[in-house]
């Protein structure tokens, strides 16, 4: 069985003052506070949310 690809998403900029839909994307990625990192499965929906808020998050391949 092949290992699923994963990405690490880190919040480096505060979502305060961002558009409400962008704040929802940050929450949808599982990020609650600054400099928090989460490891997520690399799917098109997760990539899309990370791309939408690319000015607030850093994405690394794990």
PDB file of N, CA and C in Angstrom:
ATOM      1  N   UNK A   1       0.845  -1.188   0.000  1.00  0.00           N
ATOM      2  CA  UNK A   1       0.000   0.000   0.000  1.00  0.00           C
ATOM      3  C   UNK A   1       0.886   1.246   0.000  1.00  0.00           C
ATOM      4  N   UNK A   2       0.606   2.178  -0.869  1.00  0.00           N
ATOM      5  CA  UNK A   2       1.415   3.390  -0.996  1.00  0.00           C
ATOM      6  C   UNK A   2       1.122   4.350   0.154  1.00  0.00           C
ATOM      7  N   UNK A   3       2.175   4.993   0.621  1.00  0.00           N
ATOM      8  CA  UNK A   3       2.020   5.989   1.685  1.00  0.00           C
ATOM      9  C   UNK A   3       1.430   7.262   1.092  1.00  0.00           C
ATOM     10  N   UNK A   4       0.435   7.814   1.776  1.00  0.00           N
ATOM     11  CA  UNK A   4      -0.205   9.033   1.278  1.00  0.00           C
ATOM     12  C   UNK A   4       0.699  10.231   1.524  1.00  0.00           C
ATOM     13  N   UNK A   5       0.713  11.147   0.567  1.00  0.00           N
ATOM     14  CA  UNK A   5       1.519  12.356   0.709  1.00  0.00           C
ATOM     15  C   UNK A   5       0.891  13.262   1.757  1.00  0.00           C
ATOM     16  N   UNK A   6       1.763  13.981   2.456  1.00  0.00           N
ATOM     17  CA  UNK A   6       1.299  14.906   3.477  1.00  0.00           C
ATOM     18  C   UNK A   6       2.017  16.237   3.315  1.00  0.00           C
ATOM     19  N   UNK A   7       1.358  17.290   3.795  1.00  0.00           N
ATOM     20  CA  UNK A   7       1.965  18.614   3.794  1.00  0.00           C
ATOM     21  C   UNK A   7       1.854  19.197   5.201  1.00  0.00           C
ATOM     22  N   UNK A   8       2.816  20.045   5.534  1.00  0.00           N
ATOM     23  CA  UNK A   8       2.823  20.731   6.824  1.00  0.00           C
ATOM     24  C   UNK A   8       2.478  22.192   6.564  1.00  0.00           C
ATOM     25  N   UNK A   9       1.428  22.671   7.224  1.00  0.00           N
ATOM     26  CA  UNK A   9       0.957  24.043   7.049  1.00  0.00           C
ATOM     27  C   UNK A   9       1.186  24.793   8.364  1.00  0.00           C
ATOM     28  N   UNK A  10       1.842  25.956   8.281  1.00  0.00           N
ATOM     29  CA  UNK A  10       2.164  26.761   9.463  1.00  0.00           C
ATOM     30  C   UNK A  10       1.583  28.155   9.295  1.00  0.00           C
ATOM     31  N   UNK A  11       0.889  28.630  10.313  1.00  0.00           N
ATOM     32  CA  UNK A  11       0.315  29.981  10.306  1.00  0.00           C
ATOM     33  C   UNK A  11       1.377  30.957  10.801  1.00  0.00           C
ATOM     34  N   UNK A  12       1.816  31.875   9.935  1.00  0.00           N
ATOM     35  CA  UNK A  12       2.855  32.824  10.345  1.00  0.00           C
ATOM     36  C   UNK A  12       2.355  34.252  10.384  1.00  0.00           C
ATOM     37  N   UNK A  13       1.136  34.510   9.946  1.00  0.00           N
ATOM     38  CA  UNK A  13       0.582  35.854   9.985  1.00  0.00           C
ATOM     39  C   UNK A  13      -0.832  35.782  10.558  1.00  0.00           C
ATOM     40  N   UNK A  14      -1.197  36.744  11.363  1.00  0.00           N
ATOM     41  CA  UNK A  14      -2.488  36.726  12.038  1.00  0.00           C
ATOM     42  C   UNK A  14      -3.641  36.906  11.055  1.00  0.00           C
ATOM     43  N   UNK A  15      -4.711  36.120  11.224  1.00  0.00           N
ATOM     44  CA  UNK A  15      -5.888  36.278  10.376  1.00  0.00           C
ATOM     45  C   UNK A  15      -6.775  37.459  10.780  1.00  0.00           C
ATOM     46  N   UNK A  16      -6.413  38.165  11.850  1.00  0.00           N
ATOM     47  CA  UNK A  16      -7.187  39.347  12.228  1.00  0.00           C
ATOM     48  C   UNK A  16      -7.089  40.381  11.121  1.00  0.00           C
ATOM     49  N   UNK A  17      -8.203  40.921  10.709  1.00  0.00           N
ATOM     50  CA  UNK A  17      -8.221  41.910   9.648  1.00  0.00           C
ATOM     51  C   UNK A  17      -8.335  41.298   8.266  1.00  0.00           C
ATOM     52  N   UNK A  18      -8.242  39.979   8.166  1.00  0.00           N
ATOM     53  CA  UNK A  18      -8.391  39.320   6.867  1.00  0.00           C
ATOM     54  C   UNK A  18      -9.879  39.174   6.544  1.00  0.00           C
ATOM     55  N   UNK A  19     -10.156  38.851   5.297  1.00  0.00           N
ATOM     56  CA  UNK A  19     -11.538  38.649   4.890  1.00  0.00           C
ATOM     57  C   UNK A  19     -12.138  37.468   5.658  1.00  0.00           C
ATOM     58  N   UNK A  20     -13.434  37.521   5.954  1.00  0.00           N
ATOM     59  CA  UNK A  20     -14.062  36.430   6.712  1.00  0.00           C
ATOM     60  C   UNK A  20     -13.880  35.053   6.068  1.00  0.00           C
ATOM     61  N   UNK A  21     -13.962  34.958   4.759  1.00  0.00           N
ATOM     62  CA  UNK A  21     -13.784  33.658   4.101  1.00  0.00           C
ATOM     63  C   UNK A  21     -12.355  33.154   4.253  1.00  0.00           C
ATOM     64  N   UNK A  22     -11.399  34.060   4.311  1.00  0.00           N
ATOM     65  CA  UNK A  22     -10.009  33.656   4.502  1.00  0.00           C
ATOM     66  C   UNK A  22      -9.793  33.159   5.932  1.00  0.00           C
ATOM     67  N   UNK A  23     -10.444  33.815   6.900  1.00  0.00           N
ATOM     68  CA  UNK A  23     -10.366  33.344   8.287  1.00  0.00           C
ATOM     69  C   UNK A  23     -10.971  31.948   8.404  1.00  0.00           C
ATOM     70  N   UNK A  24     -12.065  31.708   7.686  1.00  0.00           N
ATOM     71  CA  UNK A  24     -12.694  30.380   7.697  1.00  0.00           C
ATOM     72  C   UNK A  24     -11.771  29.329   7.100  1.00  0.00           C
ATOM     73  N   UNK A  25     -11.026  29.681   6.064  1.00  0.00           N
ATOM     74  CA  UNK A  25     -10.065  28.747   5.468  1.00  0.00           C
ATOM     75  C   UNK A  25      -8.970  28.385   6.470  1.00  0.00           C
ATOM     76  N   UNK A  26      -8.492  29.377   7.218  1.00  0.00           N
ATOM     77  CA  UNK A  26      -7.460  29.116   8.222  1.00  0.00           C
ATOM     78  C   UNK A  26      -8.000  28.145   9.271  1.00  0.00           C
ATOM     79  N   UNK A  27      -9.218  28.383   9.728  1.00  0.00           N
ATOM     80  CA  UNK A  27      -9.835  27.480  10.710  1.00  0.00           C
ATOM     81  C   UNK A  27     -10.074  26.099  10.107  1.00  0.00           C
ATOM     82  N   UNK A  28     -10.474  26.070   8.843  1.00  0.00           N
ATOM     83  CA  UNK A  28     -10.715  24.798   8.157  1.00  0.00           C
ATOM     84  C   UNK A  28      -9.455  23.966   8.009  1.00  0.00           C
ATOM     85  N   UNK A  29      -8.317  24.634   7.947  1.00  0.00           N
ATOM     86  CA  UNK A  29      -7.043  23.921   7.894  1.00  0.00           C
ATOM     87  C   UNK A  29      -6.634  23.411   9.274  1.00  0.00           C
ATOM     88  N   UNK A  30      -7.355  23.815  10.313  1.00  0.00           N
ATOM     89  CA  UNK A  30      -7.058  23.351  11.663  1.00  0.00           C
ATOM     90  C   UNK A  30      -6.102  24.233  12.428  1.00  0.00           C
ATOM     91  N   UNK A  31      -5.909  25.464  11.953  1.00  0.00           N
ATOM     92  CA  UNK A  31      -4.972  26.387  12.601  1.00  0.00           C
ATOM     93  C   UNK A  31      -5.740  27.330  13.518  1.00  0.00           C
ATOM     94  N   UNK A  32      -5.287  27.421  14.771  1.00  0.00           N
ATOM     95  CA  UNK A  32      -5.984  28.248  15.750  1.00  0.00           C
ATOM     96  C   UNK A  32      -5.144  29.402  16.262  1.00  0.00           C
ATOM     97  N   UNK A  33      -3.802  29.230  16.299  1.00  0.00           N
ATOM     98  CA  UNK A  33      -2.965  30.305  16.820  1.00  0.00           C
ATOM     99  C   UNK A  33      -1.714  30.485  15.980  1.00  0.00           C
ATOM    100  N   UNK A  34      -1.060  31.606  16.200  1.00  0.00           N
ATOM    101  CA  UNK A  34       0.130  31.951  15.443  1.00  0.00           C
ATOM    102  C   UNK A  34       1.231  30.910  15.643  1.00  0.00           C
ATOM    103  N   UNK A  35       1.975  30.647  14.581  1.00  0.00           N
ATOM    104  CA  UNK A  35       3.117  29.733  14.574  1.00  0.00           C
ATOM    105  C   UNK A  35       2.736  28.291  14.880  1.00  0.00           C
ATOM    106  N   UNK A  36       1.449  27.982  14.816  1.00  0.00           N
ATOM    107  CA  UNK A  36       0.996  26.600  14.974  1.00  0.00           C
ATOM    108  C   UNK A  36       1.153  25.886  13.638  1.00  0.00           C
ATOM    109  N   UNK A  37       1.560  24.622  13.684  1.00  0.00           N
ATOM    110  CA  UNK A  37       1.703  23.824  12.472  1.00  0.00           C
ATOM    111  C   UNK A  37       0.802  22.609  12.553  1.00  0.00           C
ATOM    112  N   UNK A  38       0.252  22.212  11.419  1.00  0.00           N
ATOM    113  CA  UNK A  38      -0.534  20.987  11.329  1.00  0.00           C
ATOM    114  C   UNK A  38      -0.051  20.202  10.113  1.00  0.00           C
ATOM    115  N   UNK A  39      -0.102  18.891  10.225  1.00  0.00           N
ATOM    116  CA  UNK A  39       0.251  18.016   9.117  1.00  0.00           C
ATOM    117  C   UNK A  39      -1.057  17.462   8.560  1.00  0.00           C
ATOM    118  N   UNK A  40      -1.291  17.720   7.279  1.00  0.00           N
ATOM    119  CA  UNK A  40      -2.537  17.330   6.632  1.00  0.00           C
ATOM    120  C   UNK A  40      -2.246  16.468   5.417  1.00  0.00           C
ATOM    121  N   UNK A  41      -3.256  15.692   5.019  1.00  0.00           N
ATOM    122  CA  UNK A  41      -3.142  14.899   3.797  1.00  0.00           C
ATOM    123  C   UNK A  41      -3.134  15.846   2.593  1.00  0.00           C
ATOM    124  N   UNK A  42      -2.290  15.548   1.632  1.00  0.00           N
ATOM    125  CA  UNK A  42      -2.137  16.403   0.448  1.00  0.00           C
ATOM    126  C   UNK A  42      -3.251  16.098  -0.550  1.00  0.00           C
ATOM    127  N   UNK A  43      -4.364  16.846  -0.424  1.00  0.00           N
ATOM    128  CA  UNK A  43      -5.493  16.687  -1.334  1.00  0.00           C
ATOM    129  C   UNK A  43      -5.732  18.004  -2.060  1.00  0.00           C
ATOM    130  N   UNK A  44      -6.440  17.965  -3.181  1.00  0.00           N
ATOM    131  CA  UNK A  44      -6.725  19.217  -3.903  1.00  0.00           C
ATOM    132  C   UNK A  44      -7.485  20.244  -3.054  1.00  0.00           C
ATOM    133  N   UNK A  45      -8.385  19.792  -2.187  1.00  0.00           N
ATOM    134  CA  UNK A  45      -9.146  20.741  -1.372  1.00  0.00           C
ATOM    135  C   UNK A  45      -8.258  21.424  -0.336  1.00  0.00           C
ATOM    136  N   UNK A  46      -7.353  20.677   0.281  1.00  0.00           N
ATOM    137  CA  UNK A  46      -6.438  21.263   1.262  1.00  0.00           C
ATOM    138  C   UNK A  46      -5.476  22.213   0.557  1.00  0.00           C
ATOM    139  N   UNK A  47      -4.965  21.803  -0.606  1.00  0.00           N
ATOM    140  CA  UNK A  47      -4.074  22.681  -1.378  1.00  0.00           C
ATOM    141  C   UNK A  47      -4.783  23.977  -1.763  1.00  0.00           C
ATOM    142  N   UNK A  48      -6.064  23.875  -2.131  1.00  0.00           N
ATOM    143  CA  UNK A  48      -6.830  25.054  -2.521  1.00  0.00           C
ATOM    144  C   UNK A  48      -7.019  26.026  -1.366  1.00  0.00           C
ATOM    145  N   UNK A  49      -7.315  25.488  -0.182  1.00  0.00           N
ATOM    146  CA  UNK A  49      -7.474  26.359   0.987  1.00  0.00           C
ATOM    147  C   UNK A  49      -6.147  27.034   1.337  1.00  0.00           C
ATOM    148  N   UNK A  50      -5.051  26.275   1.264  1.00  0.00           N
ATOM    149  CA  UNK A  50      -3.741  26.846   1.569  1.00  0.00           C
ATOM    150  C   UNK A  50      -3.362  27.904   0.534  1.00  0.00           C
ATOM    151  N   UNK A  51      -3.715  27.677  -0.719  1.00  0.00           N
ATOM    152  CA  UNK A  51      -3.396  28.650  -1.768  1.00  0.00           C
ATOM    153  C   UNK A  51      -4.204  29.928  -1.585  1.00  0.00           C
ATOM    154  N   UNK A  52      -5.436  29.796  -1.102  1.00  0.00           N
ATOM    155  CA  UNK A  52      -6.300  30.965  -0.915  1.00  0.00           C
ATOM    156  C   UNK A  52      -5.741  31.908   0.150  1.00  0.00           C
ATOM    157  N   UNK A  53      -5.104  31.334   1.154  1.00  0.00           N
ATOM    158  CA  UNK A  53      -4.558  32.151   2.249  1.00  0.00           C
ATOM    159  C   UNK A  53      -3.032  32.080   2.257  1.00  0.00           C
ATOM    160  N   UNK A  54      -2.427  32.021   1.068  1.00  0.00           N
ATOM    161  CA  UNK A  54      -0.978  31.842   0.958  1.00  0.00           C
ATOM    162  C   UNK A  54      -0.186  32.999   1.578  1.00  0.00           C
ATOM    163  N   UNK A  55      -0.804  34.133   1.796  1.00  0.00           N
ATOM    164  CA  UNK A  55      -0.117  35.266   2.419  1.00  0.00           C
ATOM    165  C   UNK A  55      -0.084  35.130   3.946  1.00  0.00           C
ATOM    166  N   UNK A  56      -0.765  34.126   4.496  1.00  0.00           N
ATOM    167  CA  UNK A  56      -0.785  33.905   5.946  1.00  0.00           C
ATOM    168  C   UNK A  56      -0.120  32.597   6.362  1.00  0.00           C
ATOM    169  N   UNK A  57       0.036  31.655   5.433  1.00  0.00           N
ATOM    170  CA  UNK A  57       0.555  30.326   5.802  1.00  0.00           C
ATOM    171  C   UNK A  57       1.784  29.958   4.977  1.00  0.00           C
ATOM    172  N   UNK A  58       2.582  29.058   5.546  1.00  0.00           N
ATOM    173  CA  UNK A  58       3.703  28.458   4.815  1.00  0.00           C
ATOM    174  C   UNK A  58       3.384  26.983   4.643  1.00  0.00           C
ATOM    175  N   UNK A  59       3.662  26.452   3.464  1.00  0.00           N
ATOM    176  CA  UNK A  59       3.388  25.054   3.174  1.00  0.00           C
ATOM    177  C   UNK A  59       4.695  24.339   2.869  1.00  0.00           C
ATOM    178  N   UNK A  60       4.905  23.200   3.535  1.00  0.00           N
ATOM    179  CA  UNK A  60       6.085  22.371   3.304  1.00  0.00           C
ATOM    180  C   UNK A  60       5.634  20.954   3.031  1.00  0.00           C
ATOM    181  N   UNK A  61       6.336  20.268   2.143  1.00  0.00           N
ATOM    182  CA  UNK A  61       6.047  18.852   1.901  1.00  0.00           C
ATOM    183  C   UNK A  61       6.737  18.041   2.983  1.00  0.00           C
ATOM    184  N   UNK A  62       6.025  17.042   3.509  1.00  0.00           N
ATOM    185  CA  UNK A  62       6.583  16.195   4.573  1.00  0.00           C
ATOM    186  C   UNK A  62       6.989  14.859   3.987  1.00  0.00           C
TER     187      UNK A  62
END
